[in-house]
Amino acid sequence: MPFSALSKFFKDESGATAIEYGLIAALVSVAAIAALTGMGESLTTMFETVDTELTSAVTP
């Protein structure tokens, strides 16, 4: 009886699936943070350029 319960425990893969989904979610999160960080720096540069151009256009 204990052997069959132990065997059933080792064959159960439901926990492994949850861990795999967790690892995938973590990887997607890291990729999203990296992409948004890079895009944020690009947007900051773009808005600073627009601000400089508008300021120089308005100032006589």
PDB file of N, CA and C in Angstrom:
ATOM      1  N   MET A   1       0.819  -1.207   0.000  1.00  0.00           N
ATOM      2  CA  MET A   1       0.000   0.000   0.000  1.00  0.00           C
ATOM      3  C   MET A   1       0.855   1.261   0.000  1.00  0.00           C
ATOM      4  N   PRO A   2       1.841   1.410   0.858  1.00  0.00           N
ATOM      5  CA  PRO A   2       2.645   2.635   0.845  1.00  0.00           C
ATOM      6  C   PRO A   2       3.416   2.807  -0.467  1.00  0.00           C
ATOM      7  N   PHE A   3       3.818   1.667  -1.068  1.00  0.00           N
ATOM      8  CA  PHE A   3       4.565   1.754  -2.315  1.00  0.00           C
ATOM      9  C   PHE A   3       3.707   2.357  -3.426  1.00  0.00           C
ATOM     10  N   SER A   4       2.441   2.000  -3.502  1.00  0.00           N
ATOM     11  CA  SER A   4       1.573   2.529  -4.557  1.00  0.00           C
ATOM     12  C   SER A   4       1.312   4.022  -4.348  1.00  0.00           C
ATOM     13  N   ALA A   5       1.205   4.445  -3.111  1.00  0.00           N
ATOM     14  CA  ALA A   5       1.009   5.867  -2.834  1.00  0.00           C
ATOM     15  C   ALA A   5       2.253   6.657  -3.211  1.00  0.00           C
ATOM     16  N   LEU A   6       3.416   6.114  -2.910  1.00  0.00           N
ATOM     17  CA  LEU A   6       4.667   6.767  -3.253  1.00  0.00           C
ATOM     18  C   LEU A   6       4.853   6.814  -4.766  1.00  0.00           C
ATOM     19  N   SER A   7       4.512   5.733  -5.430  1.00  0.00           N
ATOM     20  CA  SER A   7       4.600   5.680  -6.884  1.00  0.00           C
ATOM     21  C   SER A   7       3.653   6.700  -7.517  1.00  0.00           C
ATOM     22  N   LYS A   8       2.452   6.797  -6.979  1.00  0.00           N
ATOM     23  CA  LYS A   8       1.481   7.764  -7.481  1.00  0.00           C
ATOM     24  C   LYS A   8       1.983   9.191  -7.279  1.00  0.00           C
ATOM     25  N   PHE A   9       2.645   9.437  -6.147  1.00  0.00           N
ATOM     26  CA  PHE A   9       3.200  10.766  -5.859  1.00  0.00           C
ATOM     27  C   PHE A   9       4.261  11.152  -6.883  1.00  0.00           C
ATOM     28  N   PHE A  10       5.142  10.246  -7.230  1.00  0.00           N
ATOM     29  CA  PHE A  10       6.220  10.550  -8.167  1.00  0.00           C
ATOM     30  C   PHE A  10       5.735  10.681  -9.608  1.00  0.00           C
ATOM     31  N   LYS A  11       4.603  10.047  -9.945  1.00  0.00           N
ATOM     32  CA  LYS A  11       4.056  10.148 -11.296  1.00  0.00           C
ATOM     33  C   LYS A  11       3.207  11.398 -11.498  1.00  0.00           C
ATOM     34  N   ASP A  12       2.818  12.033 -10.410  1.00  0.00           N
ATOM     35  CA  ASP A  12       1.988  13.231 -10.504  1.00  0.00           C
ATOM     36  C   ASP A  12       2.831  14.395 -11.028  1.00  0.00           C
ATOM     37  N   GLU A  13       2.427  14.975 -12.180  1.00  0.00           N
ATOM     38  CA  GLU A  13       3.185  16.057 -12.792  1.00  0.00           C
ATOM     39  C   GLU A  13       2.458  17.397 -12.742  1.00  0.00           C
ATOM     40  N   SER A  14       1.421  17.508 -11.964  1.00  0.00           N
ATOM     41  CA  SER A  14       0.666  18.762 -11.931  1.00  0.00           C
ATOM     42  C   SER A  14       1.484  19.903 -11.340  1.00  0.00           C
ATOM     43  N   GLY A  15       2.311  19.634 -10.377  1.00  0.00           N
ATOM     44  CA  GLY A  15       3.166  20.680  -9.810  1.00  0.00           C
ATOM     45  C   GLY A  15       4.215  21.151 -10.795  1.00  0.00           C
ATOM     46  N   ALA A  16       4.743  20.245 -11.594  1.00  0.00           N
ATOM     47  CA  ALA A  16       5.743  20.614 -12.600  1.00  0.00           C
ATOM     48  C   ALA A  16       5.137  21.549 -13.634  1.00  0.00           C
ATOM     49  N   THR A  17       3.892  21.319 -13.996  1.00  0.00           N
ATOM     50  CA  THR A  17       3.226  22.186 -14.961  1.00  0.00           C
ATOM     51  C   THR A  17       3.067  23.590 -14.400  1.00  0.00           C
ATOM     52  N   ALA A  18       2.686  23.701 -13.151  1.00  0.00           N
ATOM     53  CA  ALA A  18       2.535  25.016 -12.526  1.00  0.00           C
ATOM     54  C   ALA A  18       3.872  25.749 -12.470  1.00  0.00           C
ATOM     55  N   ILE A  19       4.932  25.043 -12.177  1.00  0.00           N
ATOM     56  CA  ILE A  19       6.257  25.655 -12.135  1.00  0.00           C
ATOM     57  C   ILE A  19       6.661  26.127 -13.530  1.00  0.00           C
ATOM     58  N   GLU A  20       6.386  25.337 -14.541  1.00  0.00           N
ATOM     59  CA  GLU A  20       6.707  25.737 -15.918  1.00  0.00           C
ATOM     60  C   GLU A  20       5.955  27.002 -16.305  1.00  0.00           C
ATOM     61  N   TYR A  21       4.673  27.081 -15.978  1.00  0.00           N
ATOM     62  CA  TYR A  21       3.911  28.291 -16.283  1.00  0.00           C
ATOM     63  C   TYR A  21       4.467  29.488 -15.516  1.00  0.00           C
ATOM     64  N   GLY A  22       4.889  29.275 -14.298  1.00  0.00           N
ATOM     65  CA  GLY A  22       5.496  30.355 -13.521  1.00  0.00           C
ATOM     66  C   GLY A  22       6.792  30.845 -14.143  1.00  0.00           C
ATOM     67  N   LEU A  23       7.607  29.929 -14.631  1.00  0.00           N
ATOM     68  CA  LEU A  23       8.858  30.319 -15.288  1.00  0.00           C
ATOM     69  C   LEU A  23       8.593  31.072 -16.589  1.00  0.00           C
ATOM     70  N   ILE A  24       7.598  30.645 -17.341  1.00  0.00           N
ATOM     71  CA  ILE A  24       7.238  31.348 -18.570  1.00  0.00           C
ATOM     72  C   ILE A  24       6.750  32.759 -18.254  1.00  0.00           C
ATOM     73  N   ALA A  25       5.922  32.898 -17.239  1.00  0.00           N
ATOM     74  CA  ALA A  25       5.427  34.219 -16.848  1.00  0.00           C
ATOM     75  C   ALA A  25       6.578  35.127 -16.416  1.00  0.00           C
ATOM     76  N   ALA A  26       7.535  34.579 -15.682  1.00  0.00           N
ATOM     77  CA  ALA A  26       8.689  35.372 -15.257  1.00  0.00           C
ATOM     78  C   ALA A  26       9.514  35.819 -16.456  1.00  0.00           C
ATOM     79  N   LEU A  27       9.711  34.937 -17.420  1.00  0.00           N
ATOM     80  CA  LEU A  27      10.479  35.277 -18.616  1.00  0.00           C
ATOM     81  C   LEU A  27       9.780  36.361 -19.431  1.00  0.00           C
ATOM     82  N   VAL A  28       8.476  36.255 -19.590  1.00  0.00           N
ATOM     83  CA  VAL A  28       7.716  37.269 -20.315  1.00  0.00           C
ATOM     84  C   VAL A  28       7.793  38.606 -19.588  1.00  0.00           C
ATOM     85  N   SER A  29       7.729  38.590 -18.266  1.00  0.00           N
ATOM     86  CA  SER A  29       7.822  39.824 -17.488  1.00  0.00           C
ATOM     87  C   SER A  29       9.172  40.497 -17.667  1.00  0.00           C
ATOM     88  N   VAL A  30      10.241  39.719 -17.620  1.00  0.00           N
ATOM     89  CA  VAL A  30      11.583  40.280 -17.793  1.00  0.00           C
ATOM     90  C   VAL A  30      11.720  40.876 -19.194  1.00  0.00           C
ATOM     91  N   ALA A  31      11.207  40.199 -20.207  1.00  0.00           N
ATOM     92  CA  ALA A  31      11.277  40.710 -21.577  1.00  0.00           C
ATOM     93  C   ALA A  31      10.466  42.004 -21.722  1.00  0.00           C
ATOM     94  N   ALA A  32       9.307  42.051 -21.121  1.00  0.00           N
ATOM     95  CA  ALA A  32       8.471  43.253 -21.201  1.00  0.00           C
ATOM     96  C   ALA A  32       9.138  44.427 -20.508  1.00  0.00           C
ATOM     97  N   ILE A  33       9.740  44.192 -19.347  1.00  0.00           N
ATOM     98  CA  ILE A  33      10.425  45.265 -18.629  1.00  0.00           C
ATOM     99  C   ILE A  33      11.599  45.785 -19.447  1.00  0.00           C
ATOM    100  N   ALA A  34      12.353  44.893 -20.052  1.00  0.00           N
ATOM    101  CA  ALA A  34      13.493  45.315 -20.877  1.00  0.00           C
ATOM    102  C   ALA A  34      13.022  46.133 -22.076  1.00  0.00           C
ATOM    103  N   ALA A  35      11.972  45.694 -22.741  1.00  0.00           N
ATOM    104  CA  ALA A  35      11.468  46.413 -23.913  1.00  0.00           C
ATOM    105  C   ALA A  35      10.914  47.779 -23.532  1.00  0.00           C
ATOM    106  N   LEU A  36      10.156  47.838 -22.460  1.00  0.00           N
ATOM    107  CA  LEU A  36       9.575  49.115 -22.044  1.00  0.00           C
ATOM    108  C   LEU A  36      10.638  50.086 -21.552  1.00  0.00           C
ATOM    109  N   THR A  37      11.684  49.575 -20.918  1.00  0.00           N
ATOM    110  CA  THR A  37      12.773  50.440 -20.467  1.00  0.00           C
ATOM    111  C   THR A  37      13.471  51.066 -21.675  1.00  0.00           C
ATOM    112  N   GLY A  38      13.773  50.269 -22.673  1.00  0.00           N
ATOM    113  CA  GLY A  38      14.398  50.789 -23.883  1.00  0.00           C
ATOM    114  C   GLY A  38      13.513  51.785 -24.605  1.00  0.00           C
ATOM    115  N   MET A  39      12.225  51.497 -24.697  1.00  0.00           N
ATOM    116  CA  MET A  39      11.296  52.393 -25.358  1.00  0.00           C
ATOM    117  C   MET A  39      11.122  53.679 -24.558  1.00  0.00           C
ATOM    118  N   GLY A  40      11.161  53.591 -23.236  1.00  0.00           N
ATOM    119  CA  GLY A  40      11.025  54.776 -22.389  1.00  0.00           C
ATOM    120  C   GLY A  40      12.148  55.761 -22.618  1.00  0.00           C
ATOM    121  N   GLU A  41      13.383  55.282 -22.753  1.00  0.00           N
ATOM    122  CA  GLU A  41      14.513  56.153 -23.010  1.00  0.00           C
ATOM    123  C   GLU A  41      14.382  56.821 -24.376  1.00  0.00           C
ATOM    124  N   SER A  42      13.904  56.079 -25.357  1.00  0.00           N
ATOM    125  CA  SER A  42      13.704  56.626 -26.699  1.00  0.00           C
ATOM    126  C   SER A  42      12.625  57.710 -26.687  1.00  0.00           C
ATOM    127  N   LEU A  43      11.532  57.466 -25.970  1.00  0.00           N
ATOM    128  CA  LEU A  43      10.463  58.462 -25.891  1.00  0.00           C
ATOM    129  C   LEU A  43      10.923  59.710 -25.159  1.00  0.00           C
ATOM    130  N   THR A  44      11.723  59.550 -24.121  1.00  0.00           N
ATOM    131  CA  THR A  44      12.247  60.702 -23.395  1.00  0.00           C
ATOM    132  C   THR A  44      13.083  61.569 -24.318  1.00  0.00           C
ATOM    133  N   THR A  45      13.958  60.952 -25.101  1.00  0.00           N
ATOM    134  CA  THR A  45      14.786  61.693 -26.048  1.00  0.00           C
ATOM    135  C   THR A  45      13.925  62.412 -27.080  1.00  0.00           C
ATOM    136  N   MET A  46      12.910  61.743 -27.592  1.00  0.00           N
ATOM    137  CA  MET A  46      12.041  62.345 -28.599  1.00  0.00           C
ATOM    138  C   MET A  46      11.310  63.557 -28.041  1.00  0.00           C
ATOM    139  N   PHE A  47      10.751  63.447 -26.829  1.00  0.00           N
ATOM    140  CA  PHE A  47      10.016  64.569 -26.247  1.00  0.00           C
ATOM    141  C   PHE A  47      10.943  65.717 -25.874  1.00  0.00           C
ATOM    142  N   GLU A  48      12.161  65.428 -25.471  1.00  0.00           N
ATOM    143  CA  GLU A  48      13.123  66.496 -25.193  1.00  0.00           C
ATOM    144  C   GLU A  48      13.465  67.251 -26.474  1.00  0.00           C
ATOM    145  N   THR A  49      13.592  66.539 -27.584  1.00  0.00           N
ATOM    146  CA  THR A  49      13.864  67.185 -28.875  1.00  0.00           C
ATOM    147  C   THR A  49      12.703  68.072 -29.295  1.00  0.00           C
ATOM    148  N   VAL A  50      11.489  67.573 -29.145  1.00  0.00           N
ATOM    149  CA  VAL A  50      10.299  68.379 -29.480  1.00  0.00           C
ATOM    150  C   VAL A  50      10.231  69.604 -28.588  1.00  0.00           C
ATOM    151  N   ASP A  51      10.500  69.446 -27.309  1.00  0.00           N
ATOM    152  CA  ASP A  51      10.480  70.583 -26.379  1.00  0.00           C
ATOM    153  C   ASP A  51      11.507  71.633 -26.781  1.00  0.00           C
ATOM    154  N   THR A  52      12.705  71.213 -27.127  1.00  0.00           N
ATOM    155  CA  THR A  52      13.751  72.140 -27.532  1.00  0.00           C
ATOM    156  C   THR A  52      13.348  72.889 -28.804  1.00  0.00           C
ATOM    157  N   GLU A  53      12.805  72.162 -29.781  1.00  0.00           N
ATOM    158  CA  GLU A  53      12.387  72.800 -31.040  1.00  0.00           C
ATOM    159  C   GLU A  53      11.248  73.787 -30.811  1.00  0.00           C
ATOM    160  N   LEU A  54      10.264  73.424 -29.989  1.00  0.00           N
ATOM    161  CA  LEU A  54       9.157  74.324 -29.719  1.00  0.00           C
ATOM    162  C   LEU A  54       9.598  75.563 -28.946  1.00  0.00           C
ATOM    163  N   THR A  55      10.495  75.368 -28.001  1.00  0.00           N
ATOM    164  CA  THR A  55      10.997  76.505 -27.210  1.00  0.00           C
ATOM    165  C   THR A  55      11.768  77.475 -28.112  1.00  0.00           C
ATOM    166  N   SER A  56      12.597  76.941 -28.990  1.00  0.00           N
ATOM    167  CA  SER A  56      13.358  77.833 -29.875  1.00  0.00           C
ATOM    168  C   SER A  56      12.471  78.468 -30.926  1.00  0.00           C
ATOM    169  N   ALA A  57      11.371  77.846 -31.307  1.00  0.00           N
ATOM    170  CA  ALA A  57      10.457  78.436 -32.296  1.00  0.00           C
ATOM    171  C   ALA A  57       9.642  79.577 -31.684  1.00  0.00           C
ATOM    172  N   VAL A  58       9.325  79.493 -30.416  1.00  0.00           N
ATOM    173  CA  VAL A  58       8.508  80.512 -29.763  1.00  0.00           C
ATOM    174  C   VAL A  58       9.369  81.690 -29.312  1.00  0.00           C
ATOM    175  N   THR A  59      10.574  81.449 -28.898  1.00  0.00           N
ATOM    176  CA  THR A  59      11.447  82.512 -28.408  1.00  0.00           C
ATOM    177  C   THR A  59      11.982  83.318 -29.597  1.00  0.00           C
ATOM    178  N   PRO A  60      11.796  84.675 -29.550  1.00  0.00           N
ATOM    179  CA  PRO A  60      12.273  85.496 -30.667  1.00  0.00           C
ATOM    180  C   PRO A  60      13.790  85.594 -30.732  1.00  0.00           C
TER     181      PRO A  60
END
